[in-house]
C-alpha cells in the first residue's frame, strides 16, 4: 500500500457519530469538511465505516461517500473501514468497488468485516449466526473477482483495474478470525479493544496462518486511533472524555454487556467481554478501552503512538478526529492540530519503529 517513501501511512477516518441529537445534515457536513481538508493537511488516505439504523454511526454507504471524496482529491487513497460483507450482494459490492477504483484511478483500499451488532443484522433480515460463513464466502469471491474479472458466473464490466491483494484489510477481534483473514490474503485492521497481550497474541497467530496459507510475510496492520491531542493537557483530558463517550456508545450499540451475545455461533469471544462488564461495570470497561488510545500533549501522543506501532508492527494508522459529542468546530480544530503537531513527526517514522 502506497504511503510516503519508507514512511508510515497515515489516514484520516470518519465515523459520522450523532450521539447528542444534532441534525443529521450537520454531522454529515462536518465529516465532509474533514474529508475535504485531509489531503491538504498531509494525510495519505480517507476512510469511512459502515453502520446502519442508529446515531452511533450514520455512514451507511462508505463506497458512495468515498466516491464523492474521489472527485475532490487527487492523491489520497480511499478506504472502507469496513464494508460489512454479509449485508451485501457480493456481485453488486464488487461492481461498486470496481467503479470507485476506476473513478479514482486505482486509489481504492477495501476494508472488509463480518459485522457485530445484532440490530443491524436484524434490520437487513440476515441471520447473525451466518455471518462467519457469509464473510468467508464473499471475501474469497471478491478477491477472486478482482483477479479474474468474473464473479458467480458473470463478468465484471468495467473490468477491474488491478487485483485487490496488497490493498485489502479485514477487521478482526476474535482469535477465530485469524485463519480466515490469512486464507483470503487480507491484512488486519485493528480497532483497539483488548488487553495488549491478547492483541499481540492474535497478531502472532494471524501471521503464522498467513505464512502457512500465502507462503509470504503478512501485510503490516492498519491501526485505528482516536485523536485526543492538545498542547494544554487539561483540554486533552476533555477530548479523552469524548473518547470514553465513544466507547460507551460502542458498548451499548453492540450489546457487549449482553451475556447471550457469546452464545451466537462465531461470536463466542464476546462471552469474555460480557463477563468483564458484569464484574467491573460499563463505565470502567469504557475507561479501559479509551485508555488503549494515545492521548495528551503532542509529545505524549507521539510517544504513545510509537509504542502502539512497535507492539503491532503497524504499517499505518487511521486517525479519527470527530467522535462522541465533539462539535464540528472542535473536530476541525482537532484534525488541524494533529496535522500540525503530530503528523509531521509520525510521517517520518518507518513502518517498523
Protein backbone atom coordinates (compact mmCIF):
# COMPACT_ATOMS: atom_id res chain seq x y z
CA UNK A 1 0.00 0.00 0.00
CA UNK A 2 1.42 3.36 -1.03
CA UNK A 3 2.50 5.93 1.54
CA UNK A 4 5.41 8.34 1.81
CA UNK A 5 8.71 6.79 0.74
CA UNK A 6 9.70 4.35 3.52
CA UNK A 7 7.34 6.20 5.86
CA UNK A 8 4.32 5.36 7.94
CA UNK A 9 0.97 5.55 6.12
CA UNK A 10 -1.35 7.93 8.00
CA UNK A 11 -5.00 8.11 7.00
CA UNK A 12 -8.00 10.01 8.33
CA UNK A 13 -11.12 8.09 9.44
CA UNK A 14 -14.79 9.07 9.54
CA UNK A 15 -17.46 7.64 11.88
CA UNK A 16 -20.41 10.03 11.37
CA UNK A 17 -21.45 9.82 15.03
CA UNK A 18 -24.57 11.64 16.24
CA UNK A 19 -24.95 10.94 19.94
CA UNK A 20 -26.45 14.26 21.04
CA UNK A 21 -29.45 14.76 18.76
CA UNK A 22 -27.91 17.22 16.32
CA UNK A 23 -29.45 17.47 12.84
CA UNK A 24 -28.06 14.59 10.80
CA UNK A 25 -27.22 17.02 8.00
CA UNK A 26 -24.93 18.95 10.37
CA UNK A 27 -22.99 15.79 11.22
CA UNK A 28 -22.63 14.86 7.57
CA UNK A 29 -21.49 18.33 6.53
CA UNK A 30 -18.91 18.33 9.30
CA UNK A 31 -17.49 14.95 8.23
CA UNK A 32 -17.47 16.05 4.59
CA UNK A 33 -15.46 19.13 5.56
CA UNK A 34 -12.93 16.99 7.44
CA UNK A 35 -12.55 14.69 4.43
CA UNK A 36 -12.19 17.71 2.15
CA UNK A 37 -9.32 19.00 4.27
CA UNK A 38 -7.44 15.71 4.73
CA UNK A 39 -5.34 15.70 1.57
CA UNK A 40 -4.17 19.29 2.01
CA UNK A 41 -3.23 18.60 5.63
CA UNK A 42 -0.92 15.75 4.63
CA UNK A 43 -2.99 12.63 5.31
CA UNK A 44 -2.37 9.70 2.95
CA UNK A 45 -5.91 8.33 2.84
CA UNK A 46 -9.56 8.89 3.78
CA UNK A 47 -11.62 6.10 5.36
CA UNK A 48 -15.28 5.60 6.25
CA UNK A 49 -17.08 2.98 8.34
CA UNK A 50 -20.34 1.18 7.56
CA UNK A 51 -23.21 1.19 10.06
CA UNK A 52 -26.98 1.38 9.89
CA UNK A 53 -30.16 2.38 11.71
CA UNK A 54 -28.69 4.40 14.62
CA UNK A 55 -26.94 7.61 15.57
CA UNK A 56 -23.99 5.51 16.72
CA UNK A 57 -22.78 5.88 13.13
CA UNK A 58 -24.69 7.22 10.14
CA UNK A 59 -22.24 6.07 7.48
CA UNK A 60 -24.49 3.69 5.60
CA UNK A 61 -22.52 3.51 2.34
CA UNK A 62 -18.78 4.13 2.62
CA UNK A 63 -18.14 3.46 -1.07
CA UNK A 64 -20.65 6.15 -2.02
CA UNK A 65 -19.07 8.66 0.37
CA UNK A 66 -15.60 7.78 -0.91
CA UNK A 67 -16.75 8.28 -4.49
CA UNK A 68 -17.58 11.88 -3.52
CA UNK A 69 -14.15 12.19 -1.92
CA UNK A 70 -12.52 10.76 -5.06
CA UNK A 71 -13.93 13.57 -7.17
CA UNK A 72 -12.50 16.23 -4.85
CA UNK A 73 -8.99 14.81 -4.38
CA UNK A 74 -6.01 13.71 -6.44
CA UNK A 75 -3.71 11.58 -4.31
CA UNK A 76 -5.31 10.23 -1.12
CA UNK A 77 -6.18 6.56 -1.02
CA UNK A 78 -9.85 5.76 -0.36
CA UNK A 79 -10.58 3.06 2.22
CA UNK A 80 -13.61 1.35 3.73
CA UNK A 81 -13.23 0.65 7.45
CA UNK A 82 -15.08 -1.62 6.76
CA UNK A 83 -17.64 -2.80 4.22
CA UNK A 84 -19.65 -5.43 6.09
CA UNK A 85 -19.85 -8.29 3.61
CA UNK A 86 -22.86 -10.26 4.95
CA UNK A 87 -25.10 -7.21 4.44
CA UNK A 88 -24.36 -7.01 0.71
CA UNK A 89 -24.98 -8.84 -2.52
CA UNK A 90 -21.38 -9.74 -3.44
CA UNK A 91 -21.90 -9.03 -7.15
CA UNK A 92 -23.19 -5.51 -6.50
CA UNK A 93 -20.46 -4.83 -3.95
CA UNK A 94 -17.81 -5.98 -6.43
CA UNK A 95 -19.29 -3.68 -9.09
CA UNK A 96 -19.42 -0.67 -6.77
CA UNK A 97 -15.84 -1.22 -5.59
CA UNK A 98 -14.66 -1.68 -9.17
CA UNK A 99 -16.31 1.57 -10.31
CA UNK A 100 -14.75 3.54 -7.43
CA UNK A 101 -11.35 2.11 -8.36
CA UNK A 102 -11.83 3.35 -11.93
CA UNK A 103 -13.10 6.78 -10.88
CA UNK A 104 -10.14 7.26 -8.55
CA UNK A 105 -7.51 5.78 -10.87
CA UNK A 106 -6.76 2.85 -8.58
CA UNK A 107 -6.89 4.53 -5.18
CA UNK A 108 -9.29 2.05 -3.54
CA UNK A 109 -8.35 0.18 -0.38
CA UNK A 110 -11.04 -2.35 0.53
CA UNK A 111 -11.61 -2.99 4.21
CA UNK A 112 -13.87 -5.97 4.92
CA UNK A 113 -15.72 -7.13 8.03
CA UNK A 114 -18.44 -9.54 9.04
CA UNK A 115 -20.46 -7.29 11.33
CA UNK A 116 -21.28 -7.43 15.00
CA UNK A 117 -24.44 -5.53 16.02
CA UNK A 118 -27.48 -7.79 16.12
CA UNK A 119 -29.77 -4.83 15.41
CA UNK A 120 -28.07 -4.26 12.07
CA UNK A 121 -28.31 -7.90 11.04
CA UNK A 122 -31.98 -7.94 12.05
CA UNK A 123 -32.62 -4.78 10.04
CA UNK A 124 -31.34 -6.48 6.89
CA UNK A 125 -33.02 -9.78 7.65
CA UNK A 126 -29.65 -11.56 7.71
CA UNK A 127 -29.17 -14.16 10.48
CA UNK A 128 -26.19 -13.08 12.56
CA UNK A 129 -25.32 -16.74 13.13
CA UNK A 130 -24.45 -16.99 9.42
CA UNK A 131 -22.04 -14.05 9.43
CA UNK A 132 -18.82 -16.05 9.52
CA UNK A 133 -19.94 -18.38 6.74
CA UNK A 134 -21.09 -15.46 4.58
CA UNK A 135 -17.92 -13.47 5.21
CA UNK A 136 -15.69 -16.39 4.29
CA UNK A 137 -17.63 -17.00 1.08
CA UNK A 138 -17.98 -13.38 -0.02
CA UNK A 139 -14.41 -12.36 0.81
CA UNK A 140 -12.98 -15.15 -1.32
CA UNK A 141 -15.37 -14.28 -4.16
CA UNK A 142 -14.49 -10.58 -4.08
CA UNK A 143 -10.75 -11.08 -4.13
CA UNK A 144 -11.06 -13.65 -6.89
CA UNK A 145 -13.32 -11.32 -8.90
CA UNK A 146 -10.64 -8.62 -8.93
CA UNK A 147 -8.16 -11.21 -10.21
CA UNK A 148 -10.34 -12.84 -12.89
CA UNK A 149 -12.94 -10.21 -13.73
CA UNK A 150 -15.72 -12.70 -13.02
CA UNK A 151 -17.96 -13.45 -10.05
CA UNK A 152 -20.68 -16.07 -9.72
CA UNK A 153 -20.61 -16.82 -13.42
CA UNK A 154 -20.95 -13.23 -14.65
CA UNK A 155 -18.40 -10.72 -15.91
CA UNK A 156 -17.46 -7.51 -14.14
CA UNK A 157 -17.68 -4.56 -16.55
CA UNK A 158 -15.85 -2.28 -16.36
CA UNK A 159 -13.17 -4.87 -15.77
CA UNK A 160 -11.11 -4.45 -12.58
CA UNK A 161 -8.13 -2.14 -12.91
CA UNK A 162 -5.92 -4.34 -10.75
CA UNK A 163 -6.15 -7.11 -8.16
CA UNK A 164 -7.09 -6.19 -4.58
CA UNK A 165 -4.29 -8.21 -3.00
CA UNK A 166 -1.94 -5.87 -1.20
CA UNK A 167 -4.69 -3.32 -0.64
CA UNK A 168 -7.32 -5.30 1.22
CA UNK A 169 -7.74 -5.40 5.00
CA UNK A 170 -10.20 -7.01 7.37
CA UNK A 171 -11.22 -6.03 10.87
CA UNK A 172 -10.70 -8.70 13.47
CA UNK A 173 -11.31 -9.01 17.17
CA UNK A 174 -11.80 -12.75 17.73
CA UNK A 175 -8.99 -15.32 17.58
CA UNK A 176 -11.09 -17.48 15.25
CA UNK A 177 -10.90 -14.78 12.58
CA UNK A 178 -7.14 -15.07 12.18
CA UNK A 179 -7.15 -18.06 9.85
CA UNK A 180 -10.00 -16.66 7.77
CA UNK A 181 -8.12 -13.42 7.13
CA UNK A 182 -4.92 -15.27 6.33
CA UNK A 183 -6.64 -17.68 3.96
CA UNK A 184 -8.09 -14.90 1.78
CA UNK A 185 -4.84 -12.92 1.86
CA UNK A 186 -6.15 -9.90 3.75
CA UNK A 187 -4.20 -7.63 6.05
CA UNK A 188 -5.50 -6.82 9.52
CA UNK A 189 -7.25 -3.61 10.56
CA UNK A 190 -7.04 -3.23 14.34
CA UNK A 191 -9.64 -1.47 16.46
CA UNK A 192 -8.04 -1.41 19.91
CA UNK A 193 -10.46 -3.32 22.16
CA UNK A 194 -8.37 -5.85 24.10
CA UNK A 195 -5.55 -6.05 26.61
CA UNK A 196 -2.27 -5.70 24.76
CA UNK A 197 -1.13 -9.25 25.37
CA UNK A 198 -4.27 -10.54 23.64
CA UNK A 199 -3.87 -8.20 20.68
CA UNK A 200 -0.23 -9.20 20.22
CA UNK A 201 -1.15 -12.88 20.53
CA UNK A 202 -3.88 -12.54 17.90
CA UNK A 203 -1.44 -10.85 15.51
CA UNK A 204 1.13 -13.59 16.03
CA UNK A 205 -1.45 -16.29 15.27
CA UNK A 206 -2.60 -14.40 12.20
CA UNK A 207 1.00 -14.08 10.95
CA UNK A 208 1.56 -17.81 11.39
CA UNK A 209 -1.61 -18.63 9.45
CA UNK A 210 -0.71 -16.13 6.75
CA UNK A 211 2.73 -17.66 6.20
CA UNK A 212 1.13 -21.10 6.04
CA UNK A 213 -1.58 -20.15 3.54
CA UNK A 214 0.21 -17.50 1.46
CA UNK A 215 3.86 -18.54 1.72
CA UNK A 216 4.98 -14.99 2.47
CA UNK A 217 5.10 -12.43 5.24
CA UNK A 218 1.74 -10.77 6.04
CA UNK A 219 0.98 -7.13 5.28
CA UNK A 220 1.63 -4.80 8.17
CA UNK A 221 -1.56 -3.96 10.12
CA UNK A 222 -3.52 -0.73 9.97
CA UNK A 223 -4.40 0.59 13.45
CA UNK A 224 -7.35 2.89 14.15
CA UNK A 225 -6.66 5.59 16.74
CA UNK A 226 -8.78 8.42 18.16
CA UNK A 227 -7.28 11.89 18.18
CA UNK A 228 -7.26 13.36 21.70
CA UNK A 229 -4.27 15.66 21.46
CA UNK A 230 -3.81 19.22 22.72
CA UNK A 231 -0.91 21.38 23.90
CA UNK A 232 -2.94 22.10 27.06
CA UNK A 233 -3.21 18.78 28.88
CA UNK A 234 -6.46 19.81 30.60
CA UNK A 235 -8.05 20.29 27.17
CA UNK A 236 -6.57 16.97 26.05
CA UNK A 237 -8.31 15.40 29.07
CA UNK A 238 -11.62 16.83 27.85
CA UNK A 239 -11.00 15.29 24.42
CA UNK A 240 -10.13 12.00 26.10
CA UNK A 241 -13.51 12.09 27.88
CA UNK A 242 -15.11 12.16 24.43
CA UNK A 243 -13.14 9.03 23.55
CA UNK A 244 -14.66 7.43 26.66
CA UNK A 245 -18.05 8.66 25.46
CA UNK A 246 -17.45 6.99 22.10
CA UNK A 247 -16.67 3.70 23.83
CA UNK A 248 -19.80 3.96 25.97
CA UNK A 249 -21.78 4.18 22.75
CA UNK A 250 -19.85 1.21 21.35
CA UNK A 251 -20.70 -0.96 24.36
CA UNK A 252 -24.37 -0.06 24.01
CA UNK A 253 -24.60 -0.35 20.22
CA UNK A 254 -23.01 -3.78 20.07
CA UNK A 255 -24.67 -5.10 23.21
CA UNK A 256 -21.35 -6.05 24.76
CA UNK A 257 -22.98 -6.42 28.18
CA UNK A 258 -25.50 -8.98 26.87
CA UNK A 259 -24.36 -12.43 28.09
CA UNK A 260 -26.27 -14.11 25.25
CA UNK A 261 -24.03 -12.46 22.63
CA UNK A 262 -21.37 -15.09 23.18
CA UNK A 263 -23.91 -17.84 22.53
CA UNK A 264 -24.18 -16.81 18.88
CA UNK A 265 -22.07 -19.04 16.60
CA UNK A 266 -18.96 -17.16 15.56
CA UNK A 267 -19.16 -14.69 18.45
CA UNK A 268 -18.09 -16.89 21.36
CA UNK A 269 -15.30 -14.47 22.26
CA UNK A 270 -17.85 -11.92 23.47
CA UNK A 271 -18.74 -14.08 26.44
CA UNK A 272 -15.49 -12.82 27.99
CA UNK A 273 -16.43 -9.19 27.35
CA UNK A 274 -19.87 -9.62 28.92
CA UNK A 275 -18.28 -11.19 32.00
CA UNK A 276 -15.79 -8.34 32.26
CA UNK A 277 -18.57 -5.75 32.12
CA UNK A 278 -20.63 -7.68 34.67
CA UNK A 279 -17.64 -7.79 37.02
CA UNK A 280 -16.29 -4.24 36.60
CA UNK A 281 -19.22 -2.26 35.18
CA UNK A 282 -19.89 -0.47 31.91
CA UNK A 283 -18.13 2.74 32.91
CA UNK A 284 -14.91 1.08 33.96
CA UNK A 285 -14.84 -1.01 30.77
CA UNK A 286 -15.36 2.09 28.62
CA UNK A 287 -12.50 3.75 30.51
CA UNK A 288 -10.27 0.72 29.90
CA UNK A 289 -10.97 0.79 26.16
CA UNK A 290 -10.30 4.52 25.95
CA UNK A 291 -7.00 4.16 27.78
CA UNK A 292 -5.73 1.93 24.98
CA UNK A 293 -5.74 5.07 22.83
CA UNK A 294 -2.94 7.65 22.73
CA UNK A 295 -3.88 10.97 24.32
CA UNK A 296 -2.32 14.01 25.95
CA UNK A 297 0.10 16.65 24.70
CA UNK A 298 1.60 16.27 21.20
CA UNK A 299 4.82 14.82 22.62
CA UNK A 300 2.85 12.33 24.72
CA UNK A 301 0.69 11.29 21.77
CA UNK A 302 3.76 10.81 19.58
CA UNK A 303 5.46 8.63 22.20
CA UNK A 304 2.33 6.57 22.93
CA UNK A 305 1.68 6.10 19.21
CA UNK A 306 5.26 4.96 18.67
CA UNK A 307 4.62 2.30 21.31
CA UNK A 308 1.42 1.19 19.55
CA UNK A 309 3.31 0.91 16.26
CA UNK A 310 6.05 -1.09 17.97
CA UNK A 311 3.61 -3.51 19.63
CA UNK A 312 1.55 -4.14 16.50
CA UNK A 313 4.28 -3.78 13.86
CA UNK A 314 1.82 -1.42 12.18
CA UNK A 315 2.32 -0.18 8.65
CA UNK A 316 -0.21 2.57 9.03
CA UNK A 317 -2.64 4.50 11.20
CA UNK A 318 -6.20 5.68 10.66
CA UNK A 319 -6.75 8.80 12.75
CA UNK A 320 -10.32 9.72 13.79
CA UNK A 321 -10.93 13.38 14.70
CA UNK A 322 -14.74 13.53 15.17
CA UNK A 323 -16.32 11.31 17.84
CA UNK A 324 -18.58 11.44 20.86
CA UNK A 325 -20.24 14.83 21.30
CA UNK A 326 -17.49 16.93 19.71
CA UNK A 327 -18.86 19.94 17.85
CA UNK A 328 -17.93 20.43 14.19
CA UNK A 329 -15.62 23.27 15.22
CA UNK A 330 -13.88 21.15 17.85
CA UNK A 331 -13.45 18.27 15.40
CA UNK A 332 -11.99 20.59 12.76
CA UNK A 333 -9.52 22.05 15.26
CA UNK A 334 -8.72 18.51 16.43
CA UNK A 335 -7.84 17.41 12.90
CA UNK A 336 -5.77 20.52 12.19
CA UNK A 337 -3.92 20.27 15.50
CA UNK A 338 -2.93 16.65 14.85
CA UNK A 339 -1.77 17.54 11.34
CA UNK A 340 0.29 20.43 12.68
CA UNK A 341 1.82 18.94 15.83
CA UNK A 342 1.86 15.14 15.47
CA UNK A 343 1.61 14.07 11.83
CA UNK A 344 4.95 15.57 10.69
CA UNK A 345 6.87 13.52 13.27
CA UNK A 346 4.92 10.30 12.76
CA UNK A 347 5.17 10.59 8.98
CA UNK A 348 8.94 10.40 9.24
CA UNK A 349 8.79 7.10 11.10
CA UNK A 350 9.29 3.91 9.18
CA UNK A 351 6.64 1.23 9.44
CA UNK A 352 8.93 -0.85 11.67
CA UNK A 353 9.54 1.56 14.56
